[in-house]
Amino acid sequence: MEENVLLQEIVKALELFSEKIHHEMHEMGERLRAEMHDMGNQLRAEMHEMGDQLRAEMHEMGDQLRAEMQEFRAEVNERFDRLDTKIASLRVELTETQETVDFLSAKTMQHERKLRGIDGKIRA
């Protein structure tokens, strides 16, 4: 009988130990779930922050690109304006040169007629 009592005590001790282990495992599971939940929230917050940072950087880069494009357009427009001015100046010079050529051609024709007239008088 003493053996039975001893076995019952051992079984009771094992059951208590089993309950204690079960309780501790349950607590560990709860802590693990809580930590995982916290880590998930932290990860979501970090991802949200990174997304905001990325959007801000992209917006900044877009603004910078737009500013550079505006600057480039202004520079190109300025160069086109200078080219237009040069072309207009060249047109004026070309027109003046053409007028000079026309004038000199007319004078040359006049002189040739005079020379022919003089030559005709000399030969006559």
PDB file of N, CA and C in Angstrom:
ATOM      1  N   MET A   1       0.801  -1.166   0.000  1.00  0.00           N
ATOM      2  CA  MET A   1       0.000   0.000   0.000  1.00  0.00           C
ATOM      3  C   MET A   1       0.864   1.256   0.000  1.00  0.00           C
ATOM      4  N   GLU A   2       1.886   1.143   0.712  1.00  0.00           N
ATOM      5  CA  GLU A   2       2.796   2.257   0.741  1.00  0.00           C
ATOM      6  C   GLU A   2       3.316   2.542  -0.674  1.00  0.00           C
ATOM      7  N   GLU A   3       3.425   1.487  -1.410  1.00  0.00           N
ATOM      8  CA  GLU A   3       3.886   1.625  -2.781  1.00  0.00           C
ATOM      9  C   GLU A   3       2.852   2.403  -3.594  1.00  0.00           C
ATOM     10  N   ASN A   4       1.577   2.126  -3.358  1.00  0.00           N
ATOM     11  CA  ASN A   4       0.504   2.834  -4.057  1.00  0.00           C
ATOM     12  C   ASN A   4       0.511   4.316  -3.706  1.00  0.00           C
ATOM     13  N   VAL A   5       0.684   4.592  -2.443  1.00  0.00           N
ATOM     14  CA  VAL A   5       0.713   5.980  -1.988  1.00  0.00           C
ATOM     15  C   VAL A   5       1.897   6.688  -2.641  1.00  0.00           C
ATOM     16  N   LEU A   6       2.999   6.005  -2.683  1.00  0.00           N
ATOM     17  CA  LEU A   6       4.196   6.583  -3.288  1.00  0.00           C
ATOM     18  C   LEU A   6       3.961   6.830  -4.774  1.00  0.00           C
ATOM     19  N   LEU A   7       3.329   5.874  -5.444  1.00  0.00           N
ATOM     20  CA  LEU A   7       3.037   6.034  -6.874  1.00  0.00           C
ATOM     21  C   LEU A   7       2.047   7.184  -7.088  1.00  0.00           C
ATOM     22  N   GLN A   8       1.059   7.269  -6.224  1.00  0.00           N
ATOM     23  CA  GLN A   8       0.081   8.348  -6.351  1.00  0.00           C
ATOM     24  C   GLN A   8       0.755   9.710  -6.126  1.00  0.00           C
ATOM     25  N   GLU A   9       1.655   9.770  -5.191  1.00  0.00           N
ATOM     26  CA  GLU A   9       2.389  11.014  -4.930  1.00  0.00           C
ATOM     27  C   GLU A   9       3.233  11.384  -6.149  1.00  0.00           C
ATOM     28  N   ILE A  10       3.862  10.368  -6.737  1.00  0.00           N
ATOM     29  CA  ILE A  10       4.695  10.610  -7.930  1.00  0.00           C
ATOM     30  C   ILE A  10       3.806  11.093  -9.078  1.00  0.00           C
ATOM     31  N   VAL A  11       2.665  10.416  -9.269  1.00  0.00           N
ATOM     32  CA  VAL A  11       1.733  10.803 -10.340  1.00  0.00           C
ATOM     33  C   VAL A  11       1.236  12.221 -10.092  1.00  0.00           C
ATOM     34  N   LYS A  12       0.888  12.520  -8.833  1.00  0.00           N
ATOM     35  CA  LYS A  12       0.410  13.855  -8.490  1.00  0.00           C
ATOM     36  C   LYS A  12       1.504  14.892  -8.749  1.00  0.00           C
ATOM     37  N   ALA A  13       2.728  14.577  -8.379  1.00  0.00           N
ATOM     38  CA  ALA A  13       3.855  15.483  -8.610  1.00  0.00           C
ATOM     39  C   ALA A  13       4.057  15.694 -10.108  1.00  0.00           C
ATOM     40  N   LEU A  14       3.938  14.610 -10.883  1.00  0.00           N
ATOM     41  CA  LEU A  14       4.086  14.724 -12.344  1.00  0.00           C
ATOM     42  C   LEU A  14       2.955  15.560 -12.938  1.00  0.00           C
ATOM     43  N   GLU A  15       1.739  15.387 -12.442  1.00  0.00           N
ATOM     44  CA  GLU A  15       0.612  16.178 -12.940  1.00  0.00           C
ATOM     45  C   GLU A  15       0.815  17.654 -12.624  1.00  0.00           C
ATOM     46  N   LEU A  16       1.267  17.953 -11.398  1.00  0.00           N
ATOM     47  CA  LEU A  16       1.538  19.345 -11.028  1.00  0.00           C
ATOM     48  C   LEU A  16       2.648  19.937 -11.912  1.00  0.00           C
ATOM     49  N   PHE A  17       3.677  19.142 -12.116  1.00  0.00           N
ATOM     50  CA  PHE A  17       4.790  19.583 -12.964  1.00  0.00           C
ATOM     51  C   PHE A  17       4.301  19.806 -14.395  1.00  0.00           C
ATOM     52  N   SER A  18       3.449  18.890 -14.866  1.00  0.00           N
ATOM     53  CA  SER A  18       2.889  19.000 -16.213  1.00  0.00           C
ATOM     54  C   SER A  18       2.042  20.264 -16.337  1.00  0.00           C
ATOM     55  N   GLU A  19       1.218  20.545 -15.325  1.00  0.00           N
ATOM     56  CA  GLU A  19       0.399  21.759 -15.340  1.00  0.00           C
ATOM     57  C   GLU A  19       1.280  23.002 -15.339  1.00  0.00           C
ATOM     58  N   LYS A  20       2.323  22.947 -14.514  1.00  0.00           N
ATOM     59  CA  LYS A  20       3.232  24.088 -14.438  1.00  0.00           C
ATOM     60  C   LYS A  20       3.887  24.321 -15.796  1.00  0.00           C
ATOM     61  N   ILE A  21       4.353  23.255 -16.432  1.00  0.00           N
ATOM     62  CA  ILE A  21       4.993  23.373 -17.753  1.00  0.00           C
ATOM     63  C   ILE A  21       3.976  23.886 -18.770  1.00  0.00           C
ATOM     64  N   HIS A  22       2.764  23.337 -18.725  1.00  0.00           N
ATOM     65  CA  HIS A  22       1.709  23.771 -19.643  1.00  0.00           C
ATOM     66  C   HIS A  22       1.424  25.264 -19.447  1.00  0.00           C
ATOM     67  N   HIS A  23       1.315  25.694 -18.189  1.00  0.00           N
ATOM     68  CA  HIS A  23       1.059  27.103 -17.876  1.00  0.00           C
ATOM     69  C   HIS A  23       2.207  27.989 -18.383  1.00  0.00           C
ATOM     70  N   GLU A  24       3.435  27.580 -18.158  1.00  0.00           N
ATOM     71  CA  GLU A  24       4.598  28.352 -18.613  1.00  0.00           C
ATOM     72  C   GLU A  24       4.650  28.412 -20.134  1.00  0.00           C
ATOM     73  N   MET A  25       4.340  27.296 -20.793  1.00  0.00           N
ATOM     74  CA  MET A  25       4.337  27.292 -22.262  1.00  0.00           C
ATOM     75  C   MET A  25       3.243  28.218 -22.789  1.00  0.00           C
ATOM     76  N   HIS A  26       2.091  28.202 -22.121  1.00  0.00           N
ATOM     77  CA  HIS A  26       1.000  29.087 -22.519  1.00  0.00           C
ATOM     78  C   HIS A  26       1.429  30.553 -22.372  1.00  0.00           C
ATOM     79  N   GLU A  27       2.072  30.879 -21.246  1.00  0.00           N
ATOM     80  CA  GLU A  27       2.572  32.242 -21.024  1.00  0.00           C
ATOM     81  C   GLU A  27       3.612  32.617 -22.075  1.00  0.00           C
ATOM     82  N   MET A  28       4.512  31.679 -22.395  1.00  0.00           N
ATOM     83  CA  MET A  28       5.531  31.937 -23.418  1.00  0.00           C
ATOM     84  C   MET A  28       4.867  32.194 -24.768  1.00  0.00           C
ATOM     85  N   GLY A  29       3.839  31.404 -25.081  1.00  0.00           N
ATOM     86  CA  GLY A  29       3.104  31.603 -26.329  1.00  0.00           C
ATOM     87  C   GLY A  29       2.457  32.978 -26.381  1.00  0.00           C
ATOM     88  N   GLU A  30       1.855  33.392 -25.268  1.00  0.00           N
ATOM     89  CA  GLU A  30       1.223  34.711 -25.193  1.00  0.00           C
ATOM     90  C   GLU A  30       2.262  35.817 -25.364  1.00  0.00           C
ATOM     91  N   ARG A  31       3.405  35.661 -24.679  1.00  0.00           N
ATOM     92  CA  ARG A  31       4.478  36.662 -24.816  1.00  0.00           C
ATOM     93  C   ARG A  31       4.985  36.710 -26.256  1.00  0.00           C
ATOM     94  N   LEU A  32       5.140  35.526 -26.851  1.00  0.00           N
ATOM     95  CA  LEU A  32       5.619  35.458 -28.229  1.00  0.00           C
ATOM     96  C   LEU A  32       4.629  36.138 -29.172  1.00  0.00           C
ATOM     97  N   ARG A  33       3.327  35.872 -28.986  1.00  0.00           N
ATOM     98  CA  ARG A  33       2.308  36.517 -29.817  1.00  0.00           C
ATOM     99  C   ARG A  33       2.352  38.033 -29.638  1.00  0.00           C
ATOM    100  N   ALA A  34       2.485  38.470 -28.382  1.00  0.00           N
ATOM    101  CA  ALA A  34       2.543  39.910 -28.103  1.00  0.00           C
ATOM    102  C   ALA A  34       3.770  40.533 -28.759  1.00  0.00           C
ATOM    103  N   GLU A  35       4.915  39.868 -28.656  1.00  0.00           N
ATOM    104  CA  GLU A  35       6.138  40.386 -29.281  1.00  0.00           C
ATOM    105  C   GLU A  35       5.993  40.417 -30.795  1.00  0.00           C
ATOM    106  N   MET A  36       5.411  39.359 -31.357  1.00  0.00           N
ATOM    107  CA  MET A  36       5.215  39.324 -32.808  1.00  0.00           C
ATOM    108  C   MET A  36       4.267  40.441 -33.241  1.00  0.00           C
ATOM    109  N   HIS A  37       3.228  40.670 -32.457  1.00  0.00           N
ATOM    110  CA  HIS A  37       2.288  41.748 -32.759  1.00  0.00           C
ATOM    111  C   HIS A  37       3.005  43.103 -32.706  1.00  0.00           C
ATOM    112  N   ASP A  38       3.802  43.305 -31.659  1.00  0.00           N
ATOM    113  CA  ASP A  38       4.563  44.550 -31.531  1.00  0.00           C
ATOM    114  C   ASP A  38       5.536  44.717 -32.691  1.00  0.00           C
ATOM    115  N   MET A  39       6.227  43.633 -33.037  1.00  0.00           N
ATOM    116  CA  MET A  39       7.182  43.699 -34.146  1.00  0.00           C
ATOM    117  C   MET A  39       6.454  44.005 -35.451  1.00  0.00           C
ATOM    118  N   GLY A  40       5.282  43.401 -35.636  1.00  0.00           N
ATOM    119  CA  GLY A  40       4.489  43.684 -36.833  1.00  0.00           C
ATOM    120  C   GLY A  40       4.096  45.148 -36.897  1.00  0.00           C
ATOM    121  N   ASN A  41       3.643  45.686 -35.763  1.00  0.00           N
ATOM    122  CA  ASN A  41       3.284  47.108 -35.718  1.00  0.00           C
ATOM    123  C   ASN A  41       4.490  47.993 -35.984  1.00  0.00           C
ATOM    124  N   GLN A  42       5.621  47.626 -35.382  1.00  0.00           N
ATOM    125  CA  GLN A  42       6.848  48.399 -35.579  1.00  0.00           C
ATOM    126  C   GLN A  42       7.270  48.341 -37.049  1.00  0.00           C
ATOM    127  N   LEU A  43       7.190  47.157 -37.639  1.00  0.00           N
ATOM    128  CA  LEU A  43       7.562  46.998 -39.044  1.00  0.00           C
ATOM    129  C   LEU A  43       6.635  47.818 -39.940  1.00  0.00           C
ATOM    130  N   ARG A  44       5.328  47.783 -39.652  1.00  0.00           N
ATOM    131  CA  ARG A  44       4.386  48.582 -40.433  1.00  0.00           C
ATOM    132  C   ARG A  44       4.705  50.070 -40.306  1.00  0.00           C
ATOM    133  N   ALA A  45       5.013  50.504 -39.090  1.00  0.00           N
ATOM    134  CA  ALA A  45       5.344  51.920 -38.867  1.00  0.00           C
ATOM    135  C   ALA A  45       6.608  52.302 -39.637  1.00  0.00           C
ATOM    136  N   GLU A  46       7.614  51.437 -39.588  1.00  0.00           N
ATOM    137  CA  GLU A  46       8.864  51.720 -40.308  1.00  0.00           C
ATOM    138  C   GLU A  46       8.617  51.746 -41.812  1.00  0.00           C
ATOM    139  N   MET A  47       7.815  50.811 -42.302  1.00  0.00           N
ATOM    140  CA  MET A  47       7.516  50.784 -43.735  1.00  0.00           C
ATOM    141  C   MET A  47       6.740  52.038 -44.138  1.00  0.00           C
ATOM    142  N   HIS A  48       5.809  52.452 -43.301  1.00  0.00           N
ATOM    143  CA  HIS A  48       5.047  53.668 -43.577  1.00  0.00           C
ATOM    144  C   HIS A  48       5.981  54.882 -43.615  1.00  0.00           C
ATOM    145  N   GLU A  49       6.894  54.929 -42.644  1.00  0.00           N
ATOM    146  CA  GLU A  49       7.863  56.028 -42.588  1.00  0.00           C
ATOM    147  C   GLU A  49       8.759  56.021 -43.827  1.00  0.00           C
ATOM    148  N   MET A  50       9.212  54.830 -44.213  1.00  0.00           N
ATOM    149  CA  MET A  50      10.062  54.730 -45.402  1.00  0.00           C
ATOM    150  C   MET A  50       9.284  55.148 -46.645  1.00  0.00           C
ATOM    151  N   GLY A  51       8.020  54.750 -46.716  1.00  0.00           N
ATOM    152  CA  GLY A  51       7.180  55.160 -47.843  1.00  0.00           C
ATOM    153  C   GLY A  51       7.032  56.669 -47.899  1.00  0.00           C
ATOM    154  N   ASP A  52       6.802  57.284 -46.738  1.00  0.00           N
ATOM    155  CA  ASP A  52       6.694  58.747 -46.681  1.00  0.00           C
ATOM    156  C   ASP A  52       7.996  59.405 -47.113  1.00  0.00           C
ATOM    157  N   GLN A  53       9.118  58.852 -46.627  1.00  0.00           N
ATOM    158  CA  GLN A  53      10.431  59.389 -47.006  1.00  0.00           C
ATOM    159  C   GLN A  53      10.641  59.273 -48.508  1.00  0.00           C
ATOM    160  N   LEU A  54      10.306  58.113 -49.049  1.00  0.00           N
ATOM    161  CA  LEU A  54      10.485  57.882 -50.480  1.00  0.00           C
ATOM    162  C   LEU A  54       9.615  58.836 -51.292  1.00  0.00           C
ATOM    163  N   ARG A  55       8.365  59.009 -50.860  1.00  0.00           N
ATOM    164  CA  ARG A  55       7.481  59.944 -51.562  1.00  0.00           C
ATOM    165  C   ARG A  55       8.041  61.361 -51.498  1.00  0.00           C
ATOM    166  N   ALA A  56       8.551  61.750 -50.335  1.00  0.00           N
ATOM    167  CA  ALA A  56       9.121  63.095 -50.186  1.00  0.00           C
ATOM    168  C   ALA A  56      10.337  63.267 -51.094  1.00  0.00           C
ATOM    169  N   GLU A  57      11.193  62.259 -51.141  1.00  0.00           N
ATOM    170  CA  GLU A  57      12.379  62.336 -52.001  1.00  0.00           C
ATOM    171  C   GLU A  57      11.973  62.387 -53.467  1.00  0.00           C
ATOM    172  N   MET A  58      10.980  61.585 -53.844  1.00  0.00           N
ATOM    173  CA  MET A  58      10.522  61.595 -55.235  1.00  0.00           C
ATOM    174  C   MET A  58       9.916  62.955 -55.583  1.00  0.00           C
ATOM    175  N   HIS A  59       9.163  63.521 -54.653  1.00  0.00           N
ATOM    176  CA  HIS A  59       8.568  64.838 -54.883  1.00  0.00           C
ATOM    177  C   HIS A  59       9.674  65.887 -55.041  1.00  0.00           C
ATOM    178  N   GLU A  60      10.676  65.799 -54.173  1.00  0.00           N
ATOM    179  CA  GLU A  60      11.802  66.735 -54.239  1.00  0.00           C
ATOM    180  C   GLU A  60      12.546  66.589 -55.567  1.00  0.00           C
ATOM    181  N   MET A  61      12.769  65.338 -55.974  1.00  0.00           N
ATOM    182  CA  MET A  61      13.463  65.111 -57.242  1.00  0.00           C
ATOM    183  C   MET A  61      12.626  65.628 -58.412  1.00  0.00           C
ATOM    184  N   GLY A  62      11.316  65.431 -58.334  1.00  0.00           N
ATOM    185  CA  GLY A  62      10.432  65.945 -59.379  1.00  0.00           C
ATOM    186  C   GLY A  62      10.509  67.460 -59.460  1.00  0.00           C
ATOM    187  N   ASP A  63      10.481  68.118 -58.311  1.00  0.00           N
ATOM    188  CA  ASP A  63      10.595  69.579 -58.282  1.00  0.00           C
ATOM    189  C   ASP A  63      11.934  70.033 -58.851  1.00  0.00           C
ATOM    190  N   GLN A  64      12.987  69.321 -58.461  1.00  0.00           N
ATOM    191  CA  GLN A  64      14.326  69.668 -58.949  1.00  0.00           C
ATOM    192  C   GLN A  64      14.402  69.473 -60.464  1.00  0.00           C
ATOM    193  N   LEU A  65      13.827  68.379 -60.951  1.00  0.00           N
ATOM    194  CA  LEU A  65      13.841  68.112 -62.390  1.00  0.00           C
ATOM    195  C   LEU A  65      13.049  69.178 -63.139  1.00  0.00           C
ATOM    196  N   ARG A  66      11.887  69.552 -62.591  1.00  0.00           N
ATOM    197  CA  ARG A  66      11.095  70.605 -63.228  1.00  0.00           C
ATOM    198  C   ARG A  66      11.875  71.919 -63.269  1.00  0.00           C
ATOM    199  N   ALA A  67      12.560  72.241 -62.177  1.00  0.00           N
ATOM    200  CA  ALA A  67      13.348  73.478 -62.128  1.00  0.00           C
ATOM    201  C   ALA A  67      14.472  73.438 -63.161  1.00  0.00           C
ATOM    202  N   GLU A  68      15.137  72.297 -63.265  1.00  0.00           N
ATOM    203  CA  GLU A  68      16.217  72.168 -64.251  1.00  0.00           C
ATOM    204  C   GLU A  68      15.665  72.276 -65.665  1.00  0.00           C
ATOM    205  N   MET A  69      14.493  71.694 -65.900  1.00  0.00           N
ATOM    206  CA  MET A  69      13.882  71.783 -67.230  1.00  0.00           C
ATOM    207  C   MET A  69      13.511  73.227 -67.555  1.00  0.00           C
ATOM    208  N   GLN A  70      12.982  73.951 -66.573  1.00  0.00           N
ATOM    209  CA  GLN A  70      12.641  75.362 -66.784  1.00  0.00           C
ATOM    210  C   GLN A  70      13.908  76.159 -67.116  1.00  0.00           C
ATOM    211  N   GLU A  71      14.970  75.872 -66.372  1.00  0.00           N
ATOM    212  CA  GLU A  71      16.246  76.556 -66.604  1.00  0.00           C
ATOM    213  C   GLU A  71      16.761  76.240 -68.006  1.00  0.00           C
ATOM    214  N   PHE A  72      16.656  74.973 -68.393  1.00  0.00           N
ATOM    215  CA  PHE A  72      17.110  74.559 -69.722  1.00  0.00           C
ATOM    216  C   PHE A  72      16.278  75.245 -70.805  1.00  0.00           C
ATOM    217  N   ARG A  73      14.952  75.288 -70.606  1.00  0.00           N
ATOM    218  CA  ARG A  73      14.082  75.964 -71.582  1.00  0.00           C
ATOM    219  C   ARG A  73      14.464  77.431 -71.716  1.00  0.00           C
ATOM    220  N   ALA A  74      14.700  78.074 -70.582  1.00  0.00           N
ATOM    221  CA  ALA A  74      15.067  79.492 -70.611  1.00  0.00           C
ATOM    222  C   ALA A  74      16.378  79.682 -71.375  1.00  0.00           C
ATOM    223  N   GLU A  75      17.334  78.793 -71.124  1.00  0.00           N
ATOM    224  CA  GLU A  75      18.627  78.876 -71.812  1.00  0.00           C
ATOM    225  C   GLU A  75      18.458  78.651 -73.313  1.00  0.00           C
ATOM    226  N   VAL A  76      17.660  77.641 -73.673  1.00  0.00           N
ATOM    227  CA  VAL A  76      17.426  77.356 -75.095  1.00  0.00           C
ATOM    228  C   VAL A  76      16.706  78.532 -75.749  1.00  0.00           C
ATOM    229  N   ASN A  77      15.694  79.079 -75.067  1.00  0.00           N
ATOM    230  CA  ASN A  77      14.975  80.236 -75.616  1.00  0.00           C
ATOM    231  C   ASN A  77      15.909  81.426 -75.806  1.00  0.00           C
ATOM    232  N   GLU A  78      16.803  81.624 -74.829  1.00  0.00           N
ATOM    233  CA  GLU A  78      17.762  82.723 -74.942  1.00  0.00           C
ATOM    234  C   GLU A  78      18.671  82.513 -76.151  1.00  0.00           C
ATOM    235  N   ARG A  79      19.117  81.290 -76.347  1.00  0.00           N
ATOM    236  CA  ARG A  79      19.992  81.006 -77.495  1.00  0.00           C
ATOM    237  C   ARG A  79      19.241  81.176 -78.811  1.00  0.00           C
ATOM    238  N   PHE A  80      17.980  80.736 -78.849  1.00  0.00           N
ATOM    239  CA  PHE A  80      17.186  80.930 -80.060  1.00  0.00           C
ATOM    240  C   PHE A  80      16.982  82.418 -80.336  1.00  0.00           C
ATOM    241  N   ASP A  81      16.762  83.194 -79.277  1.00  0.00           N
ATOM    242  CA  ASP A  81      16.614  84.640 -79.460  1.00  0.00           C
ATOM    243  C   ASP A  81      17.890  85.240 -80.038  1.00  0.00           C
ATOM    244  N   ARG A  82      19.041  84.800 -79.518  1.00  0.00           N
ATOM    245  CA  ARG A  82      20.316  85.300 -80.058  1.00  0.00           C
ATOM    246  C   ARG A  82      20.494  84.882 -81.515  1.00  0.00           C
ATOM    247  N   LEU A  83      20.107  83.633 -81.825  1.00  0.00           N
ATOM    248  CA  LEU A  83      20.203  83.177 -83.216  1.00  0.00           C
ATOM    249  C   LEU A  83      19.279  83.990 -84.115  1.00  0.00           C
ATOM    250  N   ASP A  84      18.058  84.256 -83.642  1.00  0.00           N
ATOM    251  CA  ASP A  84      17.127  85.076 -84.422  1.00  0.00           C
ATOM    252  C   ASP A  84      17.716  86.454 -84.681  1.00  0.00           C
ATOM    253  N   THR A  85      18.351  87.018 -83.659  1.00  0.00           N
ATOM    254  CA  THR A  85      18.981  88.332 -83.811  1.00  0.00           C
ATOM    255  C   THR A  85      20.108  88.267 -84.838  1.00  0.00           C
ATOM    256  N   LYS A  86      20.932  87.221 -84.756  1.00  0.00           N
ATOM    257  CA  LYS A  86      22.037  87.069 -85.713  1.00  0.00           C
ATOM    258  C   LYS A  86      21.507  86.884 -87.129  1.00  0.00           C
ATOM    259  N   ILE A  87      20.466  86.060 -87.263  1.00  0.00           N
ATOM    260  CA  ILE A  87      19.899  85.813 -88.595  1.00  0.00           C
ATOM    261  C   ILE A  87      19.307  87.100 -89.155  1.00  0.00           C
ATOM    262  N   ALA A  88      18.614  87.856 -88.314  1.00  0.00           N
ATOM    263  CA  ALA A  88      18.052  89.130 -88.762  1.00  0.00           C
ATOM    264  C   ALA A  88      19.174  90.066 -89.199  1.00  0.00           C
ATOM    265  N   SER A  89      20.260  90.083 -88.428  1.00  0.00           N
ATOM    266  CA  SER A  89      21.410  90.919 -88.772  1.00  0.00           C
ATOM    267  C   SER A  89      22.024  90.469 -90.096  1.00  0.00           C
ATOM    268  N   LEU A  90      22.140  89.159 -90.280  1.00  0.00           N
ATOM    269  CA  LEU A  90      22.693  88.635 -91.535  1.00  0.00           C
ATOM    270  C   LEU A  90      21.780  88.964 -92.709  1.00  0.00           C
ATOM    271  N   ARG A  91      20.465  88.930 -92.482  1.00  0.00           N
ATOM    272  CA  ARG A  91      19.519  89.286 -93.552  1.00  0.00           C
ATOM    273  C   ARG A  91      19.709  90.740 -93.961  1.00  0.00           C
ATOM    274  N   VAL A  92      19.860  91.606 -92.956  1.00  0.00           N
ATOM    275  CA  VAL A  92      20.079  93.027 -93.242  1.00  0.00           C
ATOM    276  C   VAL A  92      21.375  93.189 -94.030  1.00  0.00           C
ATOM    277  N   GLU A  93      22.439  92.518 -93.581  1.00  0.00           N
ATOM    278  CA  GLU A  93      23.727  92.605 -94.285  1.00  0.00           C
ATOM    279  C   GLU A  93      23.605  92.059 -95.699  1.00  0.00           C
ATOM    280  N   LEU A  94      22.897  90.952 -95.858  1.00  0.00           N
ATOM    281  CA  LEU A  94      22.720  90.347 -97.182  1.00  0.00           C
ATOM    282  C   LEU A  94      21.919  91.279 -98.088  1.00  0.00           C
ATOM    283  N   THR A  95      20.882  91.885 -97.539  1.00  0.00           N
ATOM    284  CA  THR A  95      20.081  92.837 -98.320  1.00  0.00           C
ATOM    285  C   THR A  95      20.941  94.028 -98.729  1.00  0.00           C
ATOM    286  N   GLU A  96      21.727  94.555 -97.781  1.00  0.00           N
ATOM    287  CA  GLU A  96      22.614  95.681 -98.094  1.00  0.00           C
ATOM    288  C   GLU A  96      23.646  95.282 -99.137  1.00  0.00           C
ATOM    289  N   THR A  97      24.193  94.063 -98.994  1.00  0.00           N
ATOM    290  CA  THR A  97      25.177  93.577 -99.967  1.00  0.00           C
ATOM    291  C   THR A  97      24.529  93.446-101.339  1.00  0.00           C
ATOM    292  N   GLN A  98      23.300  92.918-101.387  1.00  0.00           N
ATOM    293  CA  GLN A  98      22.593  92.764-102.664  1.00  0.00           C
ATOM    294  C   GLN A  98      22.329  94.133-103.290  1.00  0.00           C
ATOM    295  N   GLU A  99      21.948  95.101-102.432  1.00  0.00           N
ATOM    296  CA  GLU A  99      21.720  96.459-102.944  1.00  0.00           C
ATOM    297  C   GLU A  99      23.019  97.048-103.485  1.00  0.00           C
ATOM    298  N   THR A 100      24.123  96.795-102.777  1.00  0.00           N
ATOM    299  CA  THR A 100      25.431  97.285-103.232  1.00  0.00           C
ATOM    300  C   THR A 100      25.803  96.631-104.557  1.00  0.00           C
ATOM    301  N   VAL A 101      25.577  95.308-104.654  1.00  0.00           N
ATOM    302  CA  VAL A 101      25.878  94.588-105.901  1.00  0.00           C
ATOM    303  C   VAL A 101      25.012  95.136-107.030  1.00  0.00           C
ATOM    304  N   ASP A 102      23.731  95.355-106.751  1.00  0.00           N
ATOM    305  CA  ASP A 102      22.837  95.912-107.777  1.00  0.00           C
ATOM    306  C   ASP A 102      23.316  97.291-108.216  1.00  0.00           C
ATOM    307  N   PHE A 103      23.693  98.134-107.224  1.00  0.00           N
ATOM    308  CA  PHE A 103      24.177  99.478-107.533  1.00  0.00           C
ATOM    309  C   PHE A 103      25.451  99.407-108.376  1.00  0.00           C
ATOM    310  N   LEU A 104      26.402  98.550-107.938  1.00  0.00           N
ATOM    311  CA  LEU A 104      27.665  98.430-108.678  1.00  0.00           C
ATOM    312  C   LEU A 104      27.438  97.844-110.067  1.00  0.00           C
ATOM    313  N   SER A 105      26.511  96.906-110.177  1.00  0.00           N
ATOM    314  CA  SER A 105      26.197  96.335-111.497  1.00  0.00           C
ATOM    315  C   SER A 105      25.625  97.415-112.409  1.00  0.00           C
ATOM    316  N   ALA A 106      24.731  98.234-111.861  1.00  0.00           N
ATOM    317  CA  ALA A 106      24.147  99.318-112.660  1.00  0.00           C
ATOM    318  C   ALA A 106      25.234 100.300-113.082  1.00  0.00           C
ATOM    319  N   LYS A 107      26.131 100.653-112.156  1.00  0.00           N
ATOM    320  CA  LYS A 107      27.224 101.580-112.477  1.00  0.00           C
ATOM    321  C   LYS A 107      28.161 100.964-113.523  1.00  0.00           C
ATOM    322  N   THR A 108      28.426  99.660-113.380  1.00  0.00           N
ATOM    323  CA  THR A 108      29.297  98.982-114.345  1.00  0.00           C
ATOM    324  C   THR A 108      28.654  99.034-115.728  1.00  0.00           C
ATOM    325  N   MET A 109      27.337  98.791-115.794  1.00  0.00           N
ATOM    326  CA  MET A 109      26.632  98.838-117.080  1.00  0.00           C
ATOM    327  C   MET A 109      26.690 100.253-117.657  1.00  0.00           C
ATOM    328  N   GLN A 110      26.537 101.266-116.791  1.00  0.00           N
ATOM    329  CA  GLN A 110      26.618 102.654-117.247  1.00  0.00           C
ATOM    330  C   GLN A 110      27.994 102.937-117.829  1.00  0.00           C
ATOM    331  N   HIS A 111      29.020 102.501-117.108  1.00  0.00           N
ATOM    332  CA  HIS A 111      30.393 102.741-117.572  1.00  0.00           C
ATOM    333  C   HIS A 111      30.660 101.986-118.864  1.00  0.00           C
ATOM    334  N   GLU A 112      30.131 100.772-118.969  1.00  0.00           N
ATOM    335  CA  GLU A 112      30.330 100.013-120.212  1.00  0.00           C
ATOM    336  C   GLU A 112      29.652 100.726-121.370  1.00  0.00           C
ATOM    337  N   ARG A 113      28.447 101.256-121.155  1.00  0.00           N
ATOM    338  CA  ARG A 113      27.758 101.999-122.219  1.00  0.00           C
ATOM    339  C   ARG A 113      28.560 103.236-122.601  1.00  0.00           C
ATOM    340  N   LYS A 114      29.090 103.935-121.580  1.00  0.00           N
ATOM    341  CA  LYS A 114      29.900 105.127-121.850  1.00  0.00           C
ATOM    342  C   LYS A 114      31.127 104.755-122.660  1.00  0.00           C
ATOM    343  N   LEU A 115      31.783 103.642-122.200  1.00  0.00           N
ATOM    344  CA  LEU A 115      32.993 103.208-122.900  1.00  0.00           C
ATOM    345  C   LEU A 115      32.670 102.809-124.336  1.00  0.00           C
ATOM    346  N   ARG A 116      31.547 102.164-124.564  1.00  0.00           N
ATOM    347  CA  ARG A 116      31.158 101.797-125.930  1.00  0.00           C
ATOM    348  C   ARG A 116      30.871 103.045-126.754  1.00  0.00           C
ATOM    349  N   GLY A 117      30.231 103.993-126.053  1.00  0.00           N
ATOM    350  CA  GLY A 117      29.945 105.252-126.761  1.00  0.00           C
ATOM    351  C   GLY A 117      31.234 105.960-127.146  1.00  0.00           C
ATOM    352  N   ILE A 118      32.195 105.991-126.217  1.00  0.00           N
ATOM    353  CA  ILE A 118      33.481 106.631-126.489  1.00  0.00           C
ATOM    354  C   ILE A 118      34.214 105.838-127.559  1.00  0.00           C
ATOM    355  N   ASP A 119      34.163 104.515-127.449  1.00  0.00           N
ATOM    356  CA  ASP A 119      34.832 103.653-128.425  1.00  0.00           C
ATOM    357  C   ASP A 119      34.208 103.855-129.802  1.00  0.00           C
ATOM    358  N   GLY A 120      32.879 104.002-129.823  1.00  0.00           N
ATOM    359  CA  GLY A 120      32.194 104.221-131.107  1.00  0.00           C
ATOM    360  C   GLY A 120      32.584 105.550-131.717  1.00  0.00           C
ATOM    361  N   LYS A 121      32.772 106.599-130.891  1.00  0.00           N
ATOM    362  CA  LYS A 121      33.166 107.910-131.374  1.00  0.00           C
ATOM    363  C   LYS A 121      34.605 107.885-131.861  1.00  0.00           C
ATOM    364  N   ILE A 122      35.445 107.134-131.158  1.00  0.00           N
ATOM    365  CA  ILE A 122      36.857 107.049-131.532  1.00  0.00           C
ATOM    366  C   ILE A 122      36.981 106.305-132.849  1.00  0.00           C
ATOM    367  N   ARG A 123      36.252 105.299-133.052  1.00  0.00           N
ATOM    368  CA  ARG A 123      36.345 104.495-134.266  1.00  0.00           C
ATOM    369  C   ARG A 123      35.646 105.206-135.414  1.00  0.00           C
ATOM    370  N   ALA A 124      34.772 106.088-135.145  1.00  0.00           N
ATOM    371  CA  ALA A 124      34.041 106.759-136.215  1.00  0.00           C
ATOM    372  C   ALA A 124      34.766 107.900-136.824  1.00  0.00           C
TER     373      ALA A 124
END
